[in-house]
Amino acid sequence: MSELTVVPVRPPVRGAVIVLDVAAKTMLLLLLMTALRYPELGHLQGKGATARAVGYPLAAFIIPAAWFLLWRRRVTFPWIVDLLVTLTCFTDTLGNRMDLYDTIRRFDDLMHFVNTGVLTAAFILLTMSPQASRGQVFERSLAFGVTAALGWEIAEYYAFLSTSGVIDRYADTLGDMALGSLGSVAAGQLVYWAWQHHHLLTAGPQPLSRAPSRSTEF
């Protein structure tokens, strides 16, 4: 006697994305552990090393945790989105490790623009459909970007600026927020352009398709 059972079908994922995601997470953890063990190597002295050591792993693993606990039976794992989120934490930590923030004048501005934009792209891919209009993408980009930029400035202040005695170095808070907002809008329009040209259409979580599987019982 045979019967049909339904099994989930997961679309293939490019191996390079998975490798980059796992590598970025691994390097992030190694850099943070090094910074905690040897602060002078991580160049995070007075820059909230402990807050980063806690917050960045949480951010880098929140999507895998949420997917495993809540969505793994319903949608595919969004590898590209997870990679983008991880990259924002990794590039900031690597920039400090290489002392780029203190040696390149505009590096901090660049990171505010790029990383807020990368986070916005991840948020759009995670929460919007490729059928969204340009106006809808712009609206969500701006809303998320301004919120993320403000949240970062608040976290930065309470993590180390309020006790560092070097607040004058960070008097450009409004500039950082503006750059983050601009980066978000640019990233949103880039994602919209990619969708219009049939790219990244499956970058976000996709509903698991179901395929019949014949099983035989005697």
Protein backbone atom coordinates (compact mmCIF):
# COMPACT_ATOMS: atom_id res chain seq x y z
CA MET A 1 0.00 0.00 0.00
CA SER A 2 1.38 3.42 -0.89
CA GLU A 3 0.43 6.93 0.20
CA LEU A 4 1.51 10.43 -0.65
CA THR A 5 3.18 12.61 1.94
CA VAL A 6 4.06 16.27 1.56
CA VAL A 7 7.61 17.41 2.25
CA PRO A 8 8.98 20.95 2.17
CA VAL A 9 11.14 21.90 -0.80
CA ARG A 10 13.91 24.40 -0.09
CA PRO A 11 15.32 26.30 -3.08
CA PRO A 12 19.09 26.08 -3.57
CA VAL A 13 21.30 28.76 -2.04
CA ARG A 14 24.58 29.90 -3.54
CA GLY A 15 27.43 28.43 -1.54
CA ALA A 16 29.46 31.64 -1.65
CA VAL A 17 26.81 33.51 0.37
CA ILE A 18 26.79 30.83 3.05
CA VAL A 19 30.58 30.74 3.22
CA LEU A 20 30.81 34.52 3.52
CA ASP A 21 28.12 34.61 6.20
CA VAL A 22 29.77 31.93 8.33
CA ALA A 23 33.23 33.47 7.82
CA ALA A 24 32.00 36.95 8.82
CA LYS A 25 30.39 35.59 11.99
CA THR A 26 33.52 33.64 12.89
CA MET A 27 35.86 36.57 12.30
CA LEU A 28 33.54 38.89 14.22
CA LEU A 29 33.67 36.65 17.29
CA LEU A 30 37.44 36.32 17.05
CA LEU A 31 37.94 40.07 16.74
CA LEU A 32 35.67 40.78 19.69
CA MET A 33 37.38 38.18 21.89
CA THR A 34 40.76 39.64 20.95
CA ALA A 35 39.56 43.15 21.76
CA LEU A 36 38.36 42.07 25.19
CA ARG A 37 41.51 40.10 25.95
CA TYR A 38 43.93 42.65 24.47
CA PRO A 39 42.20 46.08 24.35
CA GLU A 40 45.25 47.78 22.87
CA LEU A 41 45.05 45.50 19.80
CA GLY A 42 41.35 46.05 19.21
CA HIS A 43 41.61 49.85 19.52
CA LEU A 44 38.35 49.82 21.46
CA GLN A 45 39.65 51.39 24.64
CA GLY A 46 37.06 53.92 25.76
CA LYS A 47 34.77 52.89 22.88
CA GLY A 48 32.36 50.53 24.60
CA ALA A 49 34.26 47.29 24.03
CA THR A 50 32.04 45.37 26.45
CA ALA A 51 28.85 46.75 24.91
CA ARG A 52 30.06 45.75 21.45
CA ALA A 53 31.11 42.30 22.69
CA VAL A 54 27.56 41.73 23.88
CA GLY A 55 25.53 43.64 21.31
CA TYR A 56 27.26 42.58 18.10
CA PRO A 57 26.94 38.80 18.59
CA LEU A 58 23.29 39.31 19.53
CA ALA A 59 22.72 41.27 16.33
CA ALA A 60 24.69 38.79 14.21
CA PHE A 61 22.74 35.78 15.49
CA ILE A 62 19.25 37.21 15.99
CA ILE A 63 18.03 36.21 12.52
CA PRO A 64 19.26 32.59 12.79
CA ALA A 65 17.71 32.31 16.25
CA ALA A 66 14.37 33.82 15.20
CA TRP A 67 14.23 31.69 12.07
CA PHE A 68 15.02 28.47 13.93
CA LEU A 69 12.55 29.11 16.73
CA LEU A 70 9.67 30.62 14.76
CA TRP A 71 9.87 30.30 10.98
CA ARG A 72 11.96 27.33 9.88
CA ARG A 73 8.92 25.24 8.94
CA ARG A 74 7.32 28.06 6.96
CA VAL A 75 10.02 30.04 5.12
CA THR A 76 13.53 29.61 3.78
CA PHE A 77 16.49 30.97 5.68
CA PRO A 78 17.38 34.47 4.36
CA TRP A 79 21.13 33.99 3.94
CA ILE A 80 21.73 37.28 2.13
CA VAL A 81 19.83 39.26 4.76
CA ASP A 82 21.75 37.52 7.54
CA LEU A 83 25.05 38.25 5.79
CA LEU A 84 24.20 41.95 5.48
CA VAL A 85 23.38 42.26 9.17
CA THR A 86 26.56 40.43 10.15
CA LEU A 87 28.68 42.59 7.87
CA THR A 88 27.65 45.79 9.64
CA CYS A 89 28.96 44.42 12.94
CA PHE A 90 32.06 42.89 11.37
CA THR A 91 33.15 45.94 9.38
CA ASP A 92 32.82 48.24 12.38
CA THR A 93 34.88 45.88 14.54
CA LEU A 94 37.47 45.39 11.80
CA GLY A 95 37.68 49.15 11.24
CA ASN A 96 38.51 49.63 14.90
CA ARG A 97 40.97 46.73 14.87
CA MET A 98 42.82 48.37 11.97
CA ASP A 99 42.59 51.76 13.71
CA LEU A 100 40.90 53.27 10.66
CA TYR A 101 38.55 55.45 12.70
CA ASP A 102 41.46 57.35 14.23
CA THR A 103 43.76 57.42 11.20
CA ILE A 104 41.37 58.21 8.34
CA ARG A 105 39.48 61.44 8.86
CA ARG A 106 36.25 60.57 7.04
CA PHE A 107 36.14 56.86 7.79
CA ASP A 108 33.54 57.31 10.52
CA ASP A 109 31.30 59.25 8.12
CA LEU A 110 31.69 56.55 5.49
CA MET A 111 30.73 53.84 7.96
CA HIS A 112 27.62 55.71 9.08
CA PHE A 113 26.52 56.07 5.46
CA VAL A 114 27.35 52.53 4.34
CA ASN A 115 26.42 50.47 7.40
CA THR A 116 23.07 52.15 7.96
CA GLY A 117 22.39 51.61 4.28
CA VAL A 118 23.36 47.94 4.50
CA LEU A 119 21.06 47.43 7.48
CA THR A 120 18.26 49.16 5.61
CA ALA A 121 18.75 46.91 2.59
CA ALA A 122 18.54 43.89 4.89
CA PHE A 123 15.35 45.21 6.50
CA ILE A 124 13.69 45.86 3.15
CA LEU A 125 14.61 42.42 1.81
CA LEU A 126 13.31 40.87 5.02
CA THR A 127 10.00 42.74 5.25
CA MET A 128 8.95 43.85 1.75
CA SER A 129 7.87 42.18 -1.45
CA PRO A 130 9.64 42.76 -4.78
CA GLN A 131 6.28 44.04 -6.02
CA ALA A 132 6.50 47.07 -3.70
CA SER A 133 6.42 50.48 -5.37
CA ARG A 134 9.29 52.95 -5.35
CA GLY A 135 7.36 55.17 -2.96
CA GLN A 136 6.76 52.32 -0.53
CA VAL A 137 10.44 51.40 -0.56
CA PHE A 138 11.44 55.03 -0.05
CA GLU A 139 9.03 55.41 2.87
CA ARG A 140 10.26 52.31 4.67
CA SER A 141 13.89 53.14 3.95
CA LEU A 142 13.56 56.57 5.48
CA ALA A 143 11.57 55.35 8.48
CA PHE A 144 14.02 52.56 9.28
CA GLY A 145 17.13 54.59 8.47
CA VAL A 146 16.29 57.55 10.69
CA THR A 147 15.26 55.21 13.52
CA ALA A 148 18.42 53.11 13.18
CA ALA A 149 20.68 56.17 13.03
CA LEU A 150 19.05 57.67 16.11
CA GLY A 151 19.21 54.34 17.96
CA TRP A 152 22.93 54.03 17.21
CA GLU A 153 23.68 57.53 18.48
CA ILE A 154 21.77 56.87 21.72
CA ALA A 155 23.51 53.52 22.22
CA GLU A 156 26.89 55.08 21.44
CA TYR A 157 26.33 57.82 23.99
CA TYR A 158 25.31 55.51 26.82
CA ALA A 159 27.91 52.85 25.95
CA PHE A 160 30.93 55.12 26.23
CA LEU A 161 30.53 58.78 25.32
CA SER A 162 28.84 59.75 28.57
CA THR A 163 31.87 58.59 30.56
CA SER A 164 34.72 59.01 28.09
CA GLY A 165 35.45 62.70 28.53
CA VAL A 166 35.90 63.08 24.76
CA ILE A 167 32.38 64.04 23.80
CA ASP A 168 33.69 66.99 21.80
CA ARG A 169 35.01 64.52 19.23
CA TYR A 170 31.43 63.39 18.62
CA ALA A 171 29.76 66.76 18.27
CA ASP A 172 28.70 65.76 14.74
CA THR A 173 25.82 63.57 15.93
CA LEU A 174 23.36 65.30 13.60
CA GLY A 175 25.79 64.81 10.73
CA ASP A 176 26.06 61.10 11.52
CA MET A 177 22.27 60.78 11.60
CA ALA A 178 21.95 62.63 8.30
CA LEU A 179 24.56 60.39 6.66
CA GLY A 180 22.84 57.28 8.01
CA SER A 181 19.50 58.49 6.68
CA LEU A 182 20.97 59.25 3.25
CA GLY A 183 22.64 55.87 3.17
CA SER A 184 19.32 54.22 3.99
CA VAL A 185 17.48 55.99 1.19
CA ALA A 186 20.26 55.14 -1.27
CA ALA A 187 20.22 51.49 -0.20
CA GLY A 188 16.45 51.32 -0.51
CA GLN A 189 16.52 52.68 -4.04
CA LEU A 190 19.33 50.27 -4.92
CA VAL A 191 17.23 47.34 -3.74
CA TYR A 192 14.25 48.68 -5.73
CA TRP A 193 16.46 48.97 -8.83
CA ALA A 194 17.66 45.39 -8.31
CA TRP A 195 14.08 44.13 -8.06
CA GLN A 196 13.09 46.00 -11.21
CA HIS A 197 15.97 44.31 -13.04
CA HIS A 198 15.04 40.88 -11.67
CA HIS A 199 17.80 40.63 -9.08
CA LEU A 200 17.47 39.73 -5.39
CA LEU A 201 13.91 38.51 -5.96
CA THR A 202 14.45 35.58 -3.60
CA ALA A 203 16.93 37.24 -1.23
CA GLY A 204 14.35 37.54 1.53
CA PRO A 205 12.64 34.62 3.27
CA GLN A 206 10.54 32.63 0.79
CA PRO A 207 7.54 30.43 1.63
CA LEU A 208 8.51 26.79 1.57
CA SER A 209 6.93 25.03 -1.38
CA ARG A 210 5.46 21.63 -0.83
CA ALA A 211 6.12 18.60 -2.99
CA PRO A 212 4.39 15.23 -2.76
CA SER A 213 6.51 12.25 -1.81
CA ARG A 214 5.26 8.71 -2.32
CA SER A 215 5.87 6.32 0.54
CA THR A 216 5.08 2.63 0.52
CA GLU A 217 3.70 0.63 3.43
CA PHE A 218 3.20 -3.13 3.53
